Amino acid sequence: MAEETLRRVARLLGLADTAIYSERTRLRQDDLLIRSRASQALARAATALRDLASRYAAERIPAASRENPFPPKAQLAALRGLEKHLRAVQALEAEVRSAPFPTEAEVWERPRSASLQIDALLLLDAALIERDAAVETLGTATGQDDVEAGAAPSLDSALADLHTTLRERSELLAAPV
């Protein structure tokens, strides 16, 4: 199973070889690569949502006038929901960037548990990359009509899955052996 997961992570990262987490000296480098790619996907999703919010506000919320001093509440609520999702994606992007990384401490040097932890970390990293890609896809594919239609539940679900994966990853790295 570990070899299959290694190939999956390497394929998701666009790497030719499957030497992820294979050498002790590469542990930090591989972790930084995975978190960097995941962070970039979330940054692209945040940029798409920010652009969408800007376009939505410009095109769907009319400027205040004497006849109509207050913008429509439905459009303002939709814009606030979009901005809430943008903040959630930005927070997750920062969390991925600042996630803990595996140390060279004795936890990783114990032969009986290191391979189990690395296998578990590989599974979580594969899930992290896949869930980042899902958030990026949902963030970039969301349009103005989707905002008004309330298409946010799928993005909420993808963000929750990603947050769960990050929490599990942090717990794995913090757990004593």
N, C-alpha and C. Protein backbone atom coordinates (compact mmCIF):
# COMPACT_ATOMS: atom_id res chain seq x y z
N MET A 1 0.82 -1.19 0.00
CA MET A 1 0.00 0.00 0.00
C MET A 1 0.86 1.25 0.00
N ALA A 2 1.99 1.21 0.68
CA ALA A 2 2.85 2.38 0.76
C ALA A 2 3.40 2.75 -0.61
N GLU A 3 3.77 1.76 -1.42
CA GLU A 3 4.29 2.05 -2.76
C GLU A 3 3.22 2.71 -3.63
N GLU A 4 1.99 2.21 -3.52
CA GLU A 4 0.90 2.80 -4.29
C GLU A 4 0.65 4.25 -3.88
N THR A 5 0.70 4.51 -2.58
CA THR A 5 0.51 5.87 -2.08
C THR A 5 1.65 6.76 -2.51
N LEU A 6 2.88 6.24 -2.49
CA LEU A 6 4.03 7.02 -2.97
C LEU A 6 3.84 7.43 -4.42
N ARG A 7 3.42 6.49 -5.25
CA ARG A 7 3.19 6.82 -6.66
C ARG A 7 2.08 7.85 -6.82
N ARG A 8 1.02 7.73 -5.99
CA ARG A 8 -0.10 8.67 -6.08
C ARG A 8 0.35 10.07 -5.71
N VAL A 9 1.11 10.22 -4.62
CA VAL A 9 1.60 11.53 -4.20
C VAL A 9 2.54 12.10 -5.26
N ALA A 10 3.45 11.27 -5.79
CA ALA A 10 4.37 11.74 -6.82
C ALA A 10 3.61 12.20 -8.06
N ARG A 11 2.57 11.45 -8.44
CA ARG A 11 1.77 11.82 -9.62
C ARG A 11 1.04 13.14 -9.37
N LEU A 12 0.49 13.30 -8.17
CA LEU A 12 -0.22 14.54 -7.85
C LEU A 12 0.70 15.74 -7.85
N LEU A 13 1.96 15.52 -7.50
CA LEU A 13 2.94 16.62 -7.47
C LEU A 13 3.61 16.82 -8.82
N GLY A 14 3.37 15.91 -9.75
CA GLY A 14 3.99 16.02 -11.06
C GLY A 14 5.46 15.62 -11.04
N LEU A 15 5.82 14.72 -10.14
CA LEU A 15 7.20 14.28 -10.03
C LEU A 15 7.39 12.98 -10.81
N ALA A 16 8.57 12.82 -11.39
CA ALA A 16 8.85 11.62 -12.16
C ALA A 16 9.22 10.45 -11.25
N ASP A 17 10.02 10.71 -10.23
CA ASP A 17 10.43 9.61 -9.37
C ASP A 17 9.52 9.53 -8.16
N THR A 18 9.57 8.39 -7.48
CA THR A 18 8.70 8.18 -6.32
C THR A 18 9.53 8.11 -5.05
N ALA A 19 10.52 8.96 -4.94
CA ALA A 19 11.40 8.95 -3.78
C ALA A 19 10.94 9.89 -2.68
N ILE A 20 9.65 10.00 -2.50
CA ILE A 20 9.12 10.91 -1.48
C ILE A 20 9.27 10.26 -0.12
N TYR A 21 9.82 10.98 0.81
CA TYR A 21 10.06 10.53 2.18
C TYR A 21 10.92 9.27 2.24
N SER A 22 11.77 9.06 1.25
CA SER A 22 12.54 7.82 1.23
C SER A 22 13.88 7.97 1.95
N GLU A 23 14.44 9.14 2.00
CA GLU A 23 15.71 9.36 2.68
C GLU A 23 15.50 10.34 3.82
N ARG A 24 16.21 10.08 4.90
CA ARG A 24 16.05 10.95 6.07
C ARG A 24 16.39 12.41 5.76
N THR A 25 17.38 12.62 4.91
CA THR A 25 17.79 13.99 4.58
C THR A 25 16.76 14.71 3.71
N ARG A 26 15.90 13.95 3.05
CA ARG A 26 14.91 14.57 2.17
C ARG A 26 13.57 14.80 2.85
N LEU A 27 13.45 14.38 4.09
CA LEU A 27 12.18 14.47 4.78
C LEU A 27 11.63 15.89 4.79
N ARG A 28 12.42 16.84 5.22
CA ARG A 28 11.97 18.23 5.29
C ARG A 28 11.72 18.79 3.89
N GLN A 29 12.59 18.47 2.96
CA GLN A 29 12.44 18.97 1.60
C GLN A 29 11.13 18.48 0.98
N ASP A 30 10.81 17.21 1.15
CA ASP A 30 9.57 16.68 0.60
C ASP A 30 8.34 17.30 1.28
N ASP A 31 8.44 17.48 2.58
CA ASP A 31 7.33 18.09 3.31
C ASP A 31 7.09 19.52 2.81
N LEU A 32 8.16 20.27 2.64
CA LEU A 32 8.03 21.65 2.15
C LEU A 32 7.46 21.69 0.73
N LEU A 33 7.85 20.74 -0.10
CA LEU A 33 7.33 20.68 -1.47
C LEU A 33 5.83 20.43 -1.45
N ILE A 34 5.40 19.47 -0.66
CA ILE A 34 3.98 19.13 -0.59
C ILE A 34 3.17 20.31 -0.06
N ARG A 35 3.65 20.92 1.02
CA ARG A 35 2.91 22.06 1.59
C ARG A 35 2.93 23.26 0.65
N SER A 36 4.02 23.44 -0.09
CA SER A 36 4.10 24.55 -1.04
C SER A 36 3.09 24.38 -2.17
N ARG A 37 3.00 23.18 -2.72
CA ARG A 37 2.03 22.93 -3.80
C ARG A 37 0.60 23.10 -3.29
N ALA A 38 0.34 22.60 -2.10
CA ALA A 38 -1.01 22.73 -1.54
C ALA A 38 -1.34 24.20 -1.28
N SER A 39 -0.38 24.94 -0.77
CA SER A 39 -0.56 26.36 -0.49
C SER A 39 -0.81 27.14 -1.78
N GLN A 40 -0.08 26.80 -2.83
CA GLN A 40 -0.27 27.48 -4.11
C GLN A 40 -1.67 27.25 -4.67
N ALA A 41 -2.18 26.03 -4.54
CA ALA A 41 -3.53 25.73 -5.02
C ALA A 41 -4.56 26.56 -4.26
N LEU A 42 -4.39 26.67 -2.95
CA LEU A 42 -5.32 27.48 -2.16
C LEU A 42 -5.19 28.96 -2.48
N ALA A 43 -3.98 29.42 -2.75
CA ALA A 43 -3.78 30.83 -3.12
C ALA A 43 -4.49 31.13 -4.44
N ARG A 44 -4.42 30.20 -5.39
CA ARG A 44 -5.14 30.40 -6.66
C ARG A 44 -6.65 30.43 -6.44
N ALA A 45 -7.15 29.56 -5.56
CA ALA A 45 -8.59 29.57 -5.25
C ALA A 45 -8.98 30.89 -4.59
N ALA A 46 -8.16 31.39 -3.68
CA ALA A 46 -8.45 32.66 -3.01
C ALA A 46 -8.45 33.81 -4.01
N THR A 47 -7.51 33.80 -4.93
CA THR A 47 -7.46 34.85 -5.96
C THR A 47 -8.71 34.82 -6.82
N ALA A 48 -9.15 33.62 -7.20
CA ALA A 48 -10.35 33.49 -8.02
C ALA A 48 -11.58 33.99 -7.25
N LEU A 49 -11.67 33.64 -5.97
CA LEU A 49 -12.81 34.11 -5.17
C LEU A 49 -12.76 35.62 -4.96
N ARG A 50 -11.57 36.17 -4.76
CA ARG A 50 -11.43 37.63 -4.59
C ARG A 50 -11.86 38.35 -5.88
N ASP A 51 -11.43 37.83 -7.02
CA ASP A 51 -11.82 38.43 -8.30
C ASP A 51 -13.34 38.32 -8.51
N LEU A 52 -13.89 37.17 -8.15
CA LEU A 52 -15.33 36.97 -8.29
C LEU A 52 -16.09 37.95 -7.41
N ALA A 53 -15.65 38.13 -6.18
CA ALA A 53 -16.32 39.07 -5.26
C ALA A 53 -16.26 40.49 -5.82
N SER A 54 -15.14 40.86 -6.37
CA SER A 54 -14.99 42.19 -6.94
C SER A 54 -15.92 42.37 -8.14
N ARG A 55 -15.93 41.38 -9.04
CA ARG A 55 -16.82 41.46 -10.22
C ARG A 55 -18.28 41.46 -9.79
N TYR A 56 -18.61 40.62 -8.82
CA TYR A 56 -20.00 40.52 -8.36
C TYR A 56 -20.46 41.86 -7.78
N ALA A 57 -19.62 42.46 -6.95
CA ALA A 57 -19.98 43.74 -6.35
C ALA A 57 -20.15 44.82 -7.42
N ALA A 58 -19.28 44.82 -8.42
CA ALA A 58 -19.35 45.84 -9.47
C ALA A 58 -20.55 45.65 -10.39
N GLU A 59 -20.89 44.39 -10.69
CA GLU A 59 -21.93 44.13 -11.69
C GLU A 59 -23.32 43.89 -11.11
N ARG A 60 -23.40 43.38 -9.89
CA ARG A 60 -24.70 43.00 -9.36
C ARG A 60 -25.22 43.89 -8.23
N ILE A 61 -24.37 44.71 -7.66
CA ILE A 61 -24.82 45.59 -6.57
C ILE A 61 -24.80 47.03 -7.10
N PRO A 62 -25.97 47.60 -7.30
CA PRO A 62 -26.02 48.95 -7.87
C PRO A 62 -25.51 50.00 -6.88
N ALA A 63 -25.00 51.07 -7.46
CA ALA A 63 -24.53 52.19 -6.63
C ALA A 63 -25.74 52.85 -5.95
N ALA A 64 -25.51 53.37 -4.78
CA ALA A 64 -26.58 54.04 -4.04
C ALA A 64 -27.01 55.31 -4.77
N SER A 65 -28.30 55.55 -4.76
CA SER A 65 -28.85 56.77 -5.36
C SER A 65 -29.96 57.30 -4.45
N ARG A 66 -30.49 58.47 -4.79
CA ARG A 66 -31.58 59.01 -3.97
C ARG A 66 -32.81 58.12 -4.02
N GLU A 67 -33.06 57.58 -5.19
CA GLU A 67 -34.24 56.72 -5.34
C GLU A 67 -34.04 55.37 -4.68
N ASN A 68 -32.81 54.90 -4.67
CA ASN A 68 -32.50 53.58 -4.12
C ASN A 68 -31.23 53.68 -3.27
N PRO A 69 -31.36 54.21 -2.03
CA PRO A 69 -30.16 54.45 -1.23
C PRO A 69 -29.51 53.18 -0.66
N PHE A 70 -30.28 52.10 -0.57
CA PHE A 70 -29.74 50.88 0.01
C PHE A 70 -29.68 49.77 -1.03
N PRO A 71 -28.56 49.06 -1.11
CA PRO A 71 -28.45 47.96 -2.07
C PRO A 71 -29.38 46.81 -1.68
N PRO A 72 -29.73 45.97 -2.64
CA PRO A 72 -30.61 44.83 -2.35
C PRO A 72 -29.98 43.90 -1.30
N LYS A 73 -30.78 43.50 -0.33
CA LYS A 73 -30.26 42.67 0.77
C LYS A 73 -29.80 41.30 0.29
N ALA A 74 -30.47 40.74 -0.68
CA ALA A 74 -30.10 39.40 -1.16
C ALA A 74 -28.70 39.41 -1.77
N GLN A 75 -28.41 40.44 -2.57
CA GLN A 75 -27.09 40.52 -3.18
C GLN A 75 -26.01 40.80 -2.14
N LEU A 76 -26.32 41.64 -1.15
CA LEU A 76 -25.34 41.90 -0.08
C LEU A 76 -25.06 40.63 0.73
N ALA A 77 -26.12 39.86 1.00
CA ALA A 77 -25.93 38.61 1.74
C ALA A 77 -25.08 37.63 0.92
N ALA A 78 -25.33 37.56 -0.38
CA ALA A 78 -24.53 36.68 -1.24
C ALA A 78 -23.06 37.12 -1.26
N LEU A 79 -22.84 38.43 -1.32
CA LEU A 79 -21.47 38.94 -1.32
C LEU A 79 -20.78 38.66 0.01
N ARG A 80 -21.49 38.83 1.11
CA ARG A 80 -20.92 38.52 2.43
C ARG A 80 -20.56 37.03 2.53
N GLY A 81 -21.41 36.17 1.99
CA GLY A 81 -21.13 34.73 1.99
C GLY A 81 -19.88 34.41 1.18
N LEU A 82 -19.75 35.06 0.05
CA LEU A 82 -18.57 34.86 -0.80
C LEU A 82 -17.31 35.33 -0.08
N GLU A 83 -17.41 36.48 0.57
CA GLU A 83 -16.25 37.00 1.32
C GLU A 83 -15.91 36.10 2.51
N LYS A 84 -16.91 35.47 3.11
CA LYS A 84 -16.66 34.52 4.20
C LYS A 84 -15.86 33.32 3.68
N HIS A 85 -16.24 32.83 2.51
CA HIS A 85 -15.50 31.71 1.92
C HIS A 85 -14.08 32.12 1.55
N LEU A 86 -13.93 33.33 1.07
CA LEU A 86 -12.60 33.83 0.73
C LEU A 86 -11.71 33.85 1.98
N ARG A 87 -12.24 34.36 3.08
CA ARG A 87 -11.47 34.38 4.33
C ARG A 87 -11.13 32.97 4.80
N ALA A 88 -12.05 32.03 4.63
CA ALA A 88 -11.80 30.64 5.05
C ALA A 88 -10.69 30.02 4.20
N VAL A 89 -10.70 30.27 2.90
CA VAL A 89 -9.65 29.74 2.02
C VAL A 89 -8.31 30.38 2.38
N GLN A 90 -8.30 31.69 2.62
CA GLN A 90 -7.05 32.36 2.99
C GLN A 90 -6.51 31.84 4.32
N ALA A 91 -7.39 31.57 5.27
CA ALA A 91 -6.95 31.04 6.57
C ALA A 91 -6.37 29.64 6.41
N LEU A 92 -7.01 28.82 5.58
CA LEU A 92 -6.48 27.48 5.35
C LEU A 92 -5.15 27.52 4.61
N GLU A 93 -5.01 28.46 3.70
CA GLU A 93 -3.74 28.60 2.98
C GLU A 93 -2.62 28.95 3.95
N ALA A 94 -2.90 29.85 4.88
CA ALA A 94 -1.89 30.20 5.89
C ALA A 94 -1.61 29.02 6.81
N GLU A 95 -2.64 28.25 7.12
CA GLU A 95 -2.47 27.08 7.98
C GLU A 95 -1.60 26.02 7.29
N VAL A 96 -1.80 25.83 6.00
CA VAL A 96 -0.98 24.87 5.25
C VAL A 96 0.46 25.34 5.21
N ARG A 97 0.66 26.63 4.92
CA ARG A 97 2.02 27.18 4.86
C ARG A 97 2.75 27.05 6.18
N SER A 98 2.03 27.23 7.28
CA SER A 98 2.68 27.21 8.59
C SER A 98 2.49 25.90 9.33
N ALA A 99 2.05 24.87 8.65
CA ALA A 99 1.83 23.57 9.30
C ALA A 99 3.14 23.03 9.84
N PRO A 100 3.06 22.26 10.92
CA PRO A 100 4.30 21.69 11.47
C PRO A 100 4.92 20.72 10.48
N PHE A 101 6.21 20.60 10.56
CA PHE A 101 6.89 19.66 9.67
C PHE A 101 7.57 18.58 10.50
N PRO A 102 7.80 17.42 9.89
CA PRO A 102 8.45 16.33 10.63
C PRO A 102 9.85 16.75 11.06
N THR A 103 10.17 16.44 12.29
CA THR A 103 11.50 16.76 12.80
C THR A 103 12.42 15.57 12.64
N GLU A 104 13.68 15.81 12.85
CA GLU A 104 14.68 14.74 12.78
C GLU A 104 14.84 14.10 14.16
N ALA A 105 13.90 14.33 15.05
CA ALA A 105 14.00 13.84 16.42
C ALA A 105 13.91 12.32 16.45
N GLU A 106 14.03 11.79 17.62
CA GLU A 106 14.07 10.34 17.78
C GLU A 106 12.77 9.67 17.31
N VAL A 107 11.67 10.40 17.28
CA VAL A 107 10.42 9.82 16.80
C VAL A 107 10.60 9.26 15.41
N TRP A 108 11.31 9.98 14.56
CA TRP A 108 11.49 9.55 13.18
C TRP A 108 12.63 8.55 13.05
N GLU A 109 13.45 8.42 14.08
CA GLU A 109 14.59 7.52 13.99
C GLU A 109 14.31 6.16 14.61
N ARG A 110 13.19 5.98 15.26
CA ARG A 110 12.84 4.68 15.82
C ARG A 110 12.39 3.77 14.68
N PRO A 111 13.07 2.69 14.45
CA PRO A 111 12.77 1.85 13.29
C PRO A 111 11.36 1.26 13.28
N ARG A 112 10.84 0.87 14.44
CA ARG A 112 9.55 0.18 14.43
C ARG A 112 8.38 1.12 14.14
N SER A 113 8.52 2.40 14.46
CA SER A 113 7.39 3.31 14.29
C SER A 113 7.58 4.30 13.16
N ALA A 114 8.80 4.54 12.75
CA ALA A 114 9.04 5.56 11.73
C ALA A 114 8.36 5.20 10.42
N SER A 115 8.45 3.95 9.99
CA SER A 115 7.84 3.58 8.72
C SER A 115 6.32 3.68 8.79
N LEU A 116 5.74 3.36 9.95
CA LEU A 116 4.30 3.50 10.11
C LEU A 116 3.88 4.96 10.05
N GLN A 117 4.65 5.84 10.71
CA GLN A 117 4.33 7.26 10.69
C GLN A 117 4.51 7.84 9.29
N ILE A 118 5.54 7.44 8.60
CA ILE A 118 5.77 7.95 7.25
C ILE A 118 4.66 7.48 6.31
N ASP A 119 4.22 6.21 6.46
CA ASP A 119 3.11 5.71 5.64
C ASP A 119 1.84 6.52 5.93
N ALA A 120 1.56 6.78 7.20
CA ALA A 120 0.38 7.57 7.56
C ALA A 120 0.51 9.00 7.04
N LEU A 121 1.71 9.57 7.13
CA LEU A 121 1.93 10.93 6.63
C LEU A 121 1.73 10.99 5.12
N LEU A 122 2.18 9.96 4.41
CA LEU A 122 1.98 9.91 2.96
C LEU A 122 0.50 9.89 2.61
N LEU A 123 -0.27 9.09 3.32
CA LEU A 123 -1.71 9.05 3.06
C LEU A 123 -2.36 10.41 3.31
N LEU A 124 -1.97 11.05 4.40
CA LEU A 124 -2.53 12.37 4.71
C LEU A 124 -2.07 13.42 3.70
N ASP A 125 -0.82 13.33 3.24
CA ASP A 125 -0.34 14.28 2.23
C ASP A 125 -1.06 14.09 0.91
N ALA A 126 -1.32 12.84 0.53
CA ALA A 126 -2.08 12.59 -0.69
C ALA A 126 -3.48 13.19 -0.57
N ALA A 127 -4.11 12.97 0.58
CA ALA A 127 -5.44 13.55 0.81
C ALA A 127 -5.38 15.07 0.81
N LEU A 128 -4.33 15.64 1.40
CA LEU A 128 -4.16 17.09 1.43
C LEU A 128 -4.10 17.67 0.02
N ILE A 129 -3.31 17.06 -0.82
CA ILE A 129 -3.15 17.56 -2.19
C ILE A 129 -4.46 17.41 -2.96
N GLU A 130 -5.12 16.27 -2.81
CA GLU A 130 -6.39 16.05 -3.52
C GLU A 130 -7.46 17.02 -3.05
N ARG A 131 -7.53 17.25 -1.75
CA ARG A 131 -8.56 18.16 -1.23
C ARG A 131 -8.25 19.61 -1.57
N ASP A 132 -6.96 19.96 -1.64
CA ASP A 132 -6.59 21.30 -2.11
C ASP A 132 -7.03 21.50 -3.54
N ALA A 133 -6.82 20.48 -4.35
CA ALA A 133 -7.22 20.56 -5.76
C ALA A 133 -8.73 20.72 -5.87
N ALA A 134 -9.49 20.03 -5.02
CA ALA A 134 -10.95 20.16 -5.04
C ALA A 134 -11.38 21.58 -4.66
N VAL A 135 -10.75 22.15 -3.64
CA VAL A 135 -11.07 23.52 -3.24
C VAL A 135 -10.71 24.49 -4.37
N GLU A 136 -9.55 24.27 -4.99
CA GLU A 136 -9.15 25.15 -6.09
C GLU A 136 -10.15 25.06 -7.24
N THR A 137 -10.56 23.86 -7.58
CA THR A 137 -11.53 23.67 -8.67
C THR A 137 -12.85 24.35 -8.35
N LEU A 138 -13.34 24.16 -7.13
CA LEU A 138 -14.60 24.81 -6.75
C LEU A 138 -14.46 26.33 -6.70
N GLY A 139 -13.31 26.80 -6.21
CA GLY A 139 -13.10 28.25 -6.12
C GLY A 139 -13.01 28.91 -7.48
N THR A 140 -12.33 28.26 -8.41
CA THR A 140 -12.17 28.86 -9.74
C THR A 140 -13.39 28.66 -10.63
N ALA A 141 -14.20 27.65 -10.33
CA ALA A 141 -15.36 27.37 -11.18
C ALA A 141 -16.62 28.11 -10.72
N THR A 142 -16.58 28.71 -9.56
CA THR A 142 -17.76 29.42 -9.04
C THR A 142 -17.98 30.69 -9.83
N GLY A 143 -19.20 30.88 -10.28
CA GLY A 143 -19.55 32.08 -11.04
C GLY A 143 -20.54 32.94 -10.27
N GLN A 144 -20.89 34.08 -10.87
CA GLN A 144 -21.80 35.02 -10.21
C GLN A 144 -23.18 34.41 -9.98
N ASP A 145 -23.65 33.62 -10.93
CA ASP A 145 -24.96 32.98 -10.75
C ASP A 145 -24.91 31.97 -9.62
N ASP A 146 -23.75 31.30 -9.47
CA ASP A 146 -23.59 30.33 -8.38
C ASP A 146 -23.65 31.03 -7.02
N VAL A 147 -23.12 32.24 -6.96
CA VAL A 147 -23.12 33.00 -5.71
C VAL A 147 -24.55 33.27 -5.28
N GLU A 148 -25.37 33.72 -6.20
CA GLU A 148 -26.75 34.04 -5.87
C GLU A 148 -27.59 32.79 -5.64
N ALA A 149 -27.22 31.69 -6.31
CA ALA A 149 -27.98 30.44 -6.15
C ALA A 149 -27.63 29.73 -4.86
N GLY A 150 -26.59 30.19 -4.17
CA GLY A 150 -26.20 29.56 -2.91
C GLY A 150 -25.46 28.26 -3.12
N ALA A 151 -24.54 28.24 -4.06
CA ALA A 151 -23.78 27.03 -4.36
C ALA A 151 -22.64 26.82 -3.37
N ALA A 152 -22.73 27.42 -2.21
CA ALA A 152 -21.66 27.35 -1.23
C ALA A 152 -21.54 26.03 -0.48
N PRO A 153 -22.59 25.22 -0.34
CA PRO A 153 -22.43 24.00 0.44
C PRO A 153 -21.31 23.08 -0.04
N SER A 154 -21.10 22.98 -1.35
CA SER A 154 -20.02 22.12 -1.84
C SER A 154 -18.66 22.71 -1.45
N LEU A 155 -18.52 24.02 -1.49
CA LEU A 155 -17.27 24.65 -1.07
C LEU A 155 -17.09 24.52 0.44
N ASP A 156 -18.18 24.67 1.19
CA ASP A 156 -18.12 24.47 2.65
C ASP A 156 -17.63 23.06 2.97
N SER A 157 -18.17 22.09 2.28
CA SER A 157 -17.80 20.69 2.52
C SER A 157 -16.33 20.44 2.17
N ALA A 158 -15.87 20.98 1.05
CA ALA A 158 -14.47 20.81 0.65
C ALA A 158 -13.53 21.49 1.65
N LEU A 159 -13.91 22.66 2.14
CA LEU A 159 -13.08 23.35 3.14
C LEU A 159 -13.05 22.58 4.45
N ALA A 160 -14.17 22.01 4.85
CA ALA A 160 -14.22 21.22 6.09
C ALA A 160 -13.35 19.97 5.96
N ASP A 161 -13.42 19.30 4.80
CA ASP A 161 -12.57 18.12 4.58
C ASP A 161 -11.10 18.48 4.64
N LEU A 162 -10.74 19.59 4.05
CA LEU A 162 -9.35 20.03 4.05
C LEU A 162 -8.90 20.37 5.47
N HIS A 163 -9.74 21.04 6.22
CA HIS A 163 -9.40 21.39 7.61
C HIS A 163 -9.21 20.12 8.44
N THR A 164 -10.06 19.13 8.24
CA THR A 164 -9.94 17.85 8.95
C THR A 164 -8.62 17.17 8.62
N THR A 165 -8.25 17.17 7.35
CA THR A 165 -6.98 16.55 6.94
C THR A 165 -5.80 17.26 7.58
N LEU A 166 -5.83 18.59 7.62
CA LEU A 166 -4.74 19.34 8.26
C LEU A 166 -4.66 19.04 9.75
N ARG A 167 -5.81 18.92 10.40
CA ARG A 167 -5.82 18.60 11.82
C ARG A 167 -5.24 17.20 12.07
N GLU A 168 -5.64 16.23 11.24
CA GLU A 168 -5.13 14.87 11.39
C GLU A 168 -3.62 14.82 11.16
N ARG A 169 -3.17 15.60 10.20
CA ARG A 169 -1.72 15.65 9.90
C ARG A 169 -0.94 16.23 11.07
N SER A 170 -1.47 17.32 11.64
CA SER A 170 -0.81 17.93 12.80
C SER A 170 -0.80 16.99 13.99
N GLU A 171 -1.90 16.29 14.20
CA GLU A 171 -1.97 15.33 15.32
C GLU A 171 -0.98 14.20 15.13
N LEU A 172 -0.82 13.73 13.90
CA LEU A 172 0.15 12.66 13.63
C LEU A 172 1.56 13.12 13.97
N LEU A 173 1.91 14.33 13.55
CA LEU A 173 3.26 14.82 13.77
C LEU A 173 3.52 15.19 15.24
N ALA A 174 2.45 15.48 15.97
CA ALA A 174 2.62 15.85 17.38
C ALA A 174 2.53 14.65 18.32
N ALA A 175 2.01 13.53 17.82
CA ALA A 175 1.77 12.37 18.68
C ALA A 175 3.06 11.70 19.11
N PRO A 176 3.13 11.33 20.39
CA PRO A 176 4.30 10.56 20.84
C PRO A 176 4.22 9.14 20.30
N VAL A 177 5.36 8.52 20.18
CA VAL A 177 5.41 7.16 19.64
C VAL A 177 5.36 6.16 20.76
